[in-house]
N, C-alpha and C. Protein backbone atom coordinates (compact mmCIF):
# COMPACT_ATOMS: atom_id res chain seq x y z
N MET A 1 199.03 -51.46 -30.22
CA MET A 1 199.23 -50.69 -31.42
C MET A 1 199.36 -51.64 -32.60
N THR A 2 198.74 -51.32 -33.70
CA THR A 2 198.79 -52.14 -34.90
C THR A 2 200.21 -52.09 -35.49
N PHE A 3 200.72 -53.26 -35.81
CA PHE A 3 202.11 -53.43 -36.21
C PHE A 3 202.17 -53.95 -37.64
N ILE A 4 202.91 -53.25 -38.53
CA ILE A 4 202.96 -53.59 -39.95
C ILE A 4 204.42 -53.80 -40.37
N ALA A 5 204.67 -54.89 -41.11
CA ALA A 5 205.98 -55.16 -41.69
C ALA A 5 205.92 -54.81 -43.17
N VAL A 6 206.95 -54.10 -43.65
CA VAL A 6 207.04 -53.74 -45.06
C VAL A 6 208.34 -54.33 -45.59
N ILE A 7 208.22 -55.20 -46.61
CA ILE A 7 209.37 -55.89 -47.17
C ILE A 7 209.50 -55.47 -48.64
N ASP A 8 210.66 -54.89 -49.01
CA ASP A 8 210.86 -54.37 -50.35
C ASP A 8 212.36 -54.23 -50.60
N ASP A 9 212.75 -54.07 -51.86
CA ASP A 9 214.17 -53.91 -52.19
C ASP A 9 214.56 -52.46 -52.45
N ASP A 10 213.65 -51.53 -52.22
CA ASP A 10 213.90 -50.11 -52.49
C ASP A 10 213.91 -49.36 -51.16
N SER A 11 215.09 -48.91 -50.74
CA SER A 11 215.21 -48.26 -49.43
C SER A 11 214.43 -46.95 -49.35
N ALA A 12 214.34 -46.20 -50.44
CA ALA A 12 213.56 -44.96 -50.43
C ALA A 12 212.07 -45.26 -50.23
N TYR A 13 211.59 -46.29 -50.90
CA TYR A 13 210.18 -46.72 -50.74
C TYR A 13 209.94 -47.16 -49.29
N LEU A 14 210.87 -47.91 -48.73
CA LEU A 14 210.71 -48.36 -47.33
C LEU A 14 210.63 -47.17 -46.38
N SER A 15 211.49 -46.18 -46.59
CA SER A 15 211.46 -44.97 -45.74
C SER A 15 210.14 -44.23 -45.88
N MET A 16 209.66 -44.10 -47.12
CA MET A 16 208.38 -43.42 -47.37
C MET A 16 207.23 -44.17 -46.70
N MET A 17 207.23 -45.49 -46.84
CA MET A 17 206.15 -46.29 -46.24
C MET A 17 206.20 -46.20 -44.71
N GLN A 18 207.38 -46.26 -44.15
CA GLN A 18 207.51 -46.17 -42.70
C GLN A 18 206.99 -44.82 -42.20
N GLU A 19 207.37 -43.75 -42.87
CA GLU A 19 206.90 -42.42 -42.47
C GLU A 19 205.38 -42.30 -42.62
N LEU A 20 204.85 -42.75 -43.75
CA LEU A 20 203.41 -42.68 -43.99
C LEU A 20 202.64 -43.48 -42.94
N LEU A 21 203.03 -44.72 -42.72
CA LEU A 21 202.29 -45.57 -41.78
C LEU A 21 202.45 -45.09 -40.35
N ASN A 22 203.65 -44.64 -39.98
CA ASN A 22 203.84 -44.10 -38.64
C ASN A 22 202.99 -42.85 -38.42
N ASP A 23 202.92 -41.98 -39.44
CA ASP A 23 202.08 -40.78 -39.34
C ASP A 23 200.61 -41.13 -39.16
N GLU A 24 200.20 -42.28 -39.71
CA GLU A 24 198.82 -42.73 -39.57
C GLU A 24 198.57 -43.42 -38.23
N GLY A 25 199.62 -43.62 -37.43
CA GLY A 25 199.46 -44.23 -36.12
C GLY A 25 199.81 -45.70 -36.05
N TYR A 26 200.38 -46.24 -37.12
CA TYR A 26 200.80 -47.64 -37.12
C TYR A 26 202.26 -47.73 -36.70
N ARG A 27 202.61 -48.82 -36.07
CA ARG A 27 204.00 -49.13 -35.75
C ARG A 27 204.51 -50.00 -36.89
N THR A 28 205.72 -49.76 -37.35
CA THR A 28 206.23 -50.49 -38.51
C THR A 28 207.62 -51.05 -38.28
N PHE A 29 207.94 -52.08 -39.04
CA PHE A 29 209.33 -52.43 -39.25
C PHE A 29 209.51 -52.67 -40.73
N THR A 30 210.69 -52.33 -41.22
CA THR A 30 210.97 -52.51 -42.64
C THR A 30 212.10 -53.51 -42.79
N GLN A 31 212.08 -54.19 -43.93
CA GLN A 31 213.10 -55.18 -44.23
C GLN A 31 213.51 -54.98 -45.68
N LEU A 32 214.78 -54.72 -45.91
CA LEU A 32 215.31 -54.59 -47.26
C LEU A 32 215.64 -55.99 -47.76
N MET A 33 214.90 -56.45 -48.77
CA MET A 33 215.05 -57.77 -49.37
C MET A 33 214.31 -58.84 -48.55
N ALA A 34 214.06 -59.95 -49.21
CA ALA A 34 213.29 -61.04 -48.60
C ALA A 34 214.14 -61.93 -47.69
N ALA A 35 215.45 -61.98 -47.94
CA ALA A 35 216.32 -62.83 -47.14
C ALA A 35 216.21 -62.46 -45.66
N GLY A 36 215.97 -63.44 -44.84
CA GLY A 36 215.85 -63.23 -43.40
C GLY A 36 214.47 -62.79 -42.95
N ALA A 37 213.61 -62.42 -43.88
CA ALA A 37 212.29 -61.91 -43.51
C ALA A 37 211.39 -62.96 -42.85
N PRO A 38 211.39 -64.23 -43.28
CA PRO A 38 210.48 -65.19 -42.62
C PRO A 38 210.73 -65.30 -41.12
N THR A 39 211.98 -65.36 -40.74
CA THR A 39 212.31 -65.46 -39.31
C THR A 39 211.91 -64.20 -38.58
N ARG A 40 212.23 -63.07 -39.16
CA ARG A 40 211.90 -61.78 -38.51
C ARG A 40 210.39 -61.61 -38.36
N ILE A 41 209.63 -62.00 -39.38
CA ILE A 41 208.17 -61.89 -39.32
C ILE A 41 207.62 -62.86 -38.28
N ALA A 42 208.13 -64.08 -38.24
CA ALA A 42 207.67 -65.07 -37.25
C ALA A 42 207.93 -64.58 -35.83
N GLU A 43 209.07 -63.95 -35.60
CA GLU A 43 209.40 -63.44 -34.27
C GLU A 43 208.58 -62.20 -33.91
N ALA A 44 208.40 -61.29 -34.86
CA ALA A 44 207.73 -60.01 -34.59
C ALA A 44 206.22 -60.12 -34.55
N GLN A 45 205.64 -61.08 -35.30
CA GLN A 45 204.20 -61.27 -35.37
C GLN A 45 203.45 -59.97 -35.70
N PRO A 46 203.76 -59.36 -36.85
CA PRO A 46 203.04 -58.14 -37.23
C PRO A 46 201.57 -58.46 -37.53
N ASP A 47 200.74 -57.43 -37.50
CA ASP A 47 199.32 -57.57 -37.83
C ASP A 47 199.10 -57.62 -39.34
N LEU A 48 200.10 -57.19 -40.11
CA LEU A 48 200.00 -57.13 -41.56
C LEU A 48 201.40 -57.10 -42.16
N VAL A 49 201.55 -57.72 -43.34
CA VAL A 49 202.79 -57.64 -44.11
C VAL A 49 202.46 -57.00 -45.46
N ILE A 50 203.25 -55.99 -45.83
CA ILE A 50 203.16 -55.39 -47.17
C ILE A 50 204.42 -55.85 -47.89
N LEU A 51 204.23 -56.55 -49.02
CA LEU A 51 205.30 -57.31 -49.63
C LEU A 51 205.43 -57.02 -51.12
N ASP A 52 206.66 -56.76 -51.56
CA ASP A 52 206.96 -56.60 -52.98
C ASP A 52 207.15 -57.98 -53.61
N VAL A 53 207.02 -58.08 -54.93
CA VAL A 53 207.24 -59.34 -55.64
C VAL A 53 208.72 -59.48 -56.00
N ARG A 54 209.26 -58.47 -56.69
CA ARG A 54 210.64 -58.53 -57.19
C ARG A 54 211.59 -57.93 -56.16
N MET A 55 212.52 -58.77 -55.71
CA MET A 55 213.56 -58.27 -54.82
C MET A 55 214.88 -58.89 -55.26
N GLU A 56 215.46 -59.79 -54.48
CA GLU A 56 216.72 -60.43 -54.87
C GLU A 56 216.59 -61.18 -56.20
N SER A 57 215.41 -61.68 -56.46
CA SER A 57 215.14 -62.38 -57.71
C SER A 57 213.75 -61.96 -58.19
N ALA A 58 213.38 -62.39 -59.37
CA ALA A 58 212.11 -61.97 -59.97
C ALA A 58 210.90 -62.35 -59.13
N HIS A 59 210.99 -63.44 -58.38
CA HIS A 59 209.84 -63.89 -57.59
C HIS A 59 210.18 -64.10 -56.11
N ALA A 60 211.15 -63.35 -55.61
CA ALA A 60 211.55 -63.50 -54.20
C ALA A 60 210.39 -63.24 -53.26
N GLY A 61 209.56 -62.26 -53.59
CA GLY A 61 208.41 -61.95 -52.74
C GLY A 61 207.39 -63.07 -52.73
N LEU A 62 207.15 -63.68 -53.89
CA LEU A 62 206.20 -64.80 -53.95
C LEU A 62 206.74 -66.01 -53.20
N SER A 63 208.05 -66.23 -53.26
CA SER A 63 208.67 -67.32 -52.49
C SER A 63 208.54 -67.05 -51.00
N LEU A 64 208.75 -65.80 -50.61
CA LEU A 64 208.57 -65.43 -49.21
C LEU A 64 207.12 -65.66 -48.77
N LEU A 65 206.18 -65.27 -49.61
CA LEU A 65 204.77 -65.49 -49.29
C LEU A 65 204.48 -66.98 -49.09
N ASP A 66 205.02 -67.83 -49.96
CA ASP A 66 204.83 -69.27 -49.81
C ASP A 66 205.37 -69.76 -48.48
N ARG A 67 206.53 -69.24 -48.08
CA ARG A 67 207.12 -69.63 -46.78
C ARG A 67 206.26 -69.15 -45.62
N LEU A 68 205.72 -67.94 -45.72
CA LEU A 68 204.85 -67.43 -44.66
C LEU A 68 203.59 -68.28 -44.53
N ARG A 69 203.00 -68.65 -45.65
CA ARG A 69 201.77 -69.43 -45.64
C ARG A 69 202.00 -70.86 -45.15
N ALA A 70 203.22 -71.39 -45.32
CA ALA A 70 203.53 -72.76 -44.91
C ALA A 70 203.91 -72.87 -43.44
N ASP A 71 204.16 -71.75 -42.79
CA ASP A 71 204.61 -71.73 -41.39
C ASP A 71 203.43 -71.43 -40.48
N GLN A 72 203.18 -72.31 -39.52
CA GLN A 72 202.05 -72.11 -38.60
C GLN A 72 202.14 -70.80 -37.83
N ARG A 73 203.35 -70.30 -37.62
CA ARG A 73 203.51 -69.05 -36.87
C ARG A 73 203.11 -67.83 -37.68
N THR A 74 203.08 -67.96 -39.03
CA THR A 74 202.83 -66.79 -39.87
C THR A 74 201.69 -66.96 -40.86
N CYS A 75 201.11 -68.14 -40.96
CA CYS A 75 200.10 -68.41 -41.99
C CYS A 75 198.85 -67.55 -41.83
N HIS A 76 198.60 -67.05 -40.63
CA HIS A 76 197.40 -66.26 -40.35
C HIS A 76 197.57 -64.76 -40.63
N ILE A 77 198.80 -64.31 -40.88
CA ILE A 77 199.07 -62.88 -41.02
C ILE A 77 198.60 -62.40 -42.39
N PRO A 78 197.74 -61.37 -42.43
CA PRO A 78 197.30 -60.82 -43.71
C PRO A 78 198.47 -60.21 -44.48
N VAL A 79 198.38 -60.29 -45.81
CA VAL A 79 199.44 -59.79 -46.68
C VAL A 79 198.83 -58.93 -47.79
N ILE A 80 199.47 -57.79 -48.03
CA ILE A 80 199.19 -56.98 -49.22
C ILE A 80 200.41 -57.13 -50.12
N VAL A 81 200.21 -57.68 -51.31
CA VAL A 81 201.28 -57.80 -52.28
C VAL A 81 201.24 -56.54 -53.13
N CYS A 82 202.30 -55.76 -53.06
CA CYS A 82 202.35 -54.44 -53.68
C CYS A 82 203.59 -54.38 -54.57
N SER A 83 203.36 -54.26 -55.89
CA SER A 83 204.48 -54.35 -56.80
C SER A 83 204.23 -53.56 -58.08
N ALA A 84 205.33 -53.16 -58.72
CA ALA A 84 205.26 -52.55 -60.05
C ALA A 84 205.30 -53.62 -61.13
N ASP A 85 205.50 -54.87 -60.75
CA ASP A 85 205.50 -55.98 -61.70
C ASP A 85 204.05 -56.37 -61.98
N VAL A 86 203.40 -55.51 -62.76
CA VAL A 86 201.96 -55.64 -63.01
C VAL A 86 201.63 -56.96 -63.70
N SER A 87 202.46 -57.40 -64.62
CA SER A 87 202.16 -58.65 -65.33
C SER A 87 202.14 -59.83 -64.38
N THR A 88 203.08 -59.89 -63.45
CA THR A 88 203.08 -60.99 -62.47
C THR A 88 201.88 -60.87 -61.54
N LEU A 89 201.56 -59.66 -61.09
CA LEU A 89 200.40 -59.49 -60.21
C LEU A 89 199.12 -59.97 -60.89
N ARG A 90 198.96 -59.61 -62.15
CA ARG A 90 197.75 -60.02 -62.86
C ARG A 90 197.75 -61.52 -63.13
N GLU A 91 198.91 -62.07 -63.45
CA GLU A 91 199.03 -63.51 -63.70
C GLU A 91 198.74 -64.32 -62.44
N LYS A 92 199.16 -63.81 -61.28
CA LYS A 92 199.02 -64.53 -60.01
C LYS A 92 197.81 -64.07 -59.20
N GLN A 93 197.01 -63.16 -59.72
CA GLN A 93 195.88 -62.57 -58.99
C GLN A 93 194.99 -63.63 -58.33
N GLU A 94 194.58 -64.63 -59.07
CA GLU A 94 193.67 -65.65 -58.53
C GLU A 94 194.33 -66.42 -57.39
N THR A 95 195.58 -66.81 -57.57
CA THR A 95 196.31 -67.54 -56.53
C THR A 95 196.48 -66.67 -55.29
N LEU A 96 196.85 -65.42 -55.49
CA LEU A 96 197.04 -64.51 -54.36
C LEU A 96 195.74 -64.30 -53.61
N THR A 97 194.65 -64.15 -54.33
CA THR A 97 193.34 -63.97 -53.69
C THR A 97 192.98 -65.21 -52.87
N ARG A 98 193.23 -66.40 -53.44
CA ARG A 98 192.96 -67.64 -52.69
C ARG A 98 193.80 -67.72 -51.42
N GLN A 99 194.98 -67.14 -51.45
CA GLN A 99 195.85 -67.13 -50.27
C GLN A 99 195.47 -66.03 -49.28
N GLY A 100 194.40 -65.31 -49.58
CA GLY A 100 193.93 -64.26 -48.68
C GLY A 100 194.68 -62.95 -48.80
N CYS A 101 195.39 -62.76 -49.90
CA CYS A 101 196.18 -61.54 -50.09
C CYS A 101 195.38 -60.49 -50.85
N ALA A 102 195.65 -59.26 -50.51
CA ALA A 102 195.19 -58.13 -51.32
C ALA A 102 196.32 -57.81 -52.29
N VAL A 103 195.97 -57.27 -53.45
CA VAL A 103 196.96 -56.94 -54.47
C VAL A 103 196.86 -55.45 -54.78
N LEU A 104 198.01 -54.79 -54.82
CA LEU A 104 198.06 -53.36 -55.10
C LEU A 104 199.21 -53.10 -56.07
N GLU A 105 198.87 -52.49 -57.20
CA GLU A 105 199.88 -52.18 -58.21
C GLU A 105 200.55 -50.84 -57.89
N LYS A 106 201.88 -50.80 -58.06
CA LYS A 106 202.64 -49.56 -57.95
C LYS A 106 202.67 -48.91 -59.33
N PRO A 107 202.59 -47.61 -59.43
CA PRO A 107 202.34 -46.67 -58.34
C PRO A 107 200.88 -46.76 -57.90
N PHE A 108 200.64 -46.43 -56.66
CA PHE A 108 199.30 -46.55 -56.10
C PHE A 108 198.86 -45.24 -55.47
N ASP A 109 197.57 -45.12 -55.32
CA ASP A 109 196.97 -43.99 -54.63
C ASP A 109 197.11 -44.23 -53.12
N LEU A 110 197.61 -43.24 -52.40
CA LEU A 110 197.84 -43.42 -50.96
C LEU A 110 196.56 -43.79 -50.20
N GLU A 111 195.45 -43.19 -50.58
CA GLU A 111 194.19 -43.53 -49.89
C GLU A 111 193.79 -44.97 -50.13
N LYS A 112 194.05 -45.47 -51.35
CA LYS A 112 193.74 -46.87 -51.64
C LYS A 112 194.61 -47.78 -50.77
N LEU A 113 195.89 -47.45 -50.64
CA LEU A 113 196.78 -48.21 -49.76
C LEU A 113 196.25 -48.20 -48.33
N LEU A 114 195.94 -47.02 -47.82
CA LEU A 114 195.48 -46.92 -46.43
C LEU A 114 194.15 -47.64 -46.22
N ASP A 115 193.27 -47.61 -47.23
CA ASP A 115 192.02 -48.37 -47.13
C ASP A 115 192.31 -49.86 -47.02
N LEU A 116 193.24 -50.37 -47.82
CA LEU A 116 193.61 -51.78 -47.75
C LEU A 116 194.24 -52.11 -46.40
N VAL A 117 195.10 -51.23 -45.91
CA VAL A 117 195.74 -51.45 -44.61
C VAL A 117 194.67 -51.54 -43.52
N ARG A 118 193.74 -50.61 -43.51
CA ARG A 118 192.66 -50.63 -42.50
C ARG A 118 191.80 -51.88 -42.65
N ASP A 119 191.54 -52.29 -43.90
CA ASP A 119 190.74 -53.49 -44.14
C ASP A 119 191.44 -54.75 -43.65
N LYS A 120 192.73 -54.86 -43.88
CA LYS A 120 193.47 -56.07 -43.54
C LYS A 120 193.97 -56.08 -42.09
N ALA A 121 194.37 -54.93 -41.56
CA ALA A 121 194.97 -54.88 -40.22
C ALA A 121 194.10 -54.17 -39.20
N GLY A 122 193.10 -53.47 -39.67
CA GLY A 122 192.27 -52.68 -38.76
C GLY A 122 192.82 -51.28 -38.64
N PRO A 123 192.06 -50.43 -37.97
CA PRO A 123 192.53 -49.06 -37.81
C PRO A 123 193.75 -49.01 -36.88
N ALA A 124 194.51 -47.95 -37.02
CA ALA A 124 195.65 -47.76 -36.12
C ALA A 124 195.11 -47.62 -34.71
N ARG A 125 195.78 -48.31 -33.80
CA ARG A 125 195.40 -48.23 -32.38
C ARG A 125 196.53 -47.51 -31.66
N LYS A 126 196.30 -46.25 -31.40
CA LYS A 126 197.34 -45.45 -30.75
C LYS A 126 197.32 -45.73 -29.25
N THR A 127 198.50 -45.73 -28.67
CA THR A 127 198.61 -45.93 -27.24
C THR A 127 198.98 -44.61 -26.58
N ASN A 128 198.59 -44.44 -25.38
CA ASN A 128 198.93 -43.23 -24.62
C ASN A 128 200.12 -43.55 -23.71
N LEU A 129 201.29 -43.25 -24.18
CA LEU A 129 202.50 -43.52 -23.38
C LEU A 129 203.08 -42.25 -22.87
């Protein structure tokens, strides 16, 4: 089953994303804030990370991304950077693209999100349990 990690500082957004992705057939884990996320991602080995920019600090998500890219256990995991901080997303667009990240501005169209998820992680693979 395709496994997706969602890291954000908004608990309502995390709940919505978990429900949406689970309904689409993806398995998810959510993490409130970036602290502790590198270890959890390295251990869980998700197929995709959806990451906010602003959390504990203005660039906590970008710092987390740098840590993921520097770690051999996580450097291969695709990332969608999804944030309402449009100015930072646009300023960092070229760098994020070079790092293999997709960028999605909040608020976003759900179909656009799901298209990016399928593109980066593949279709949901449901298991018959």
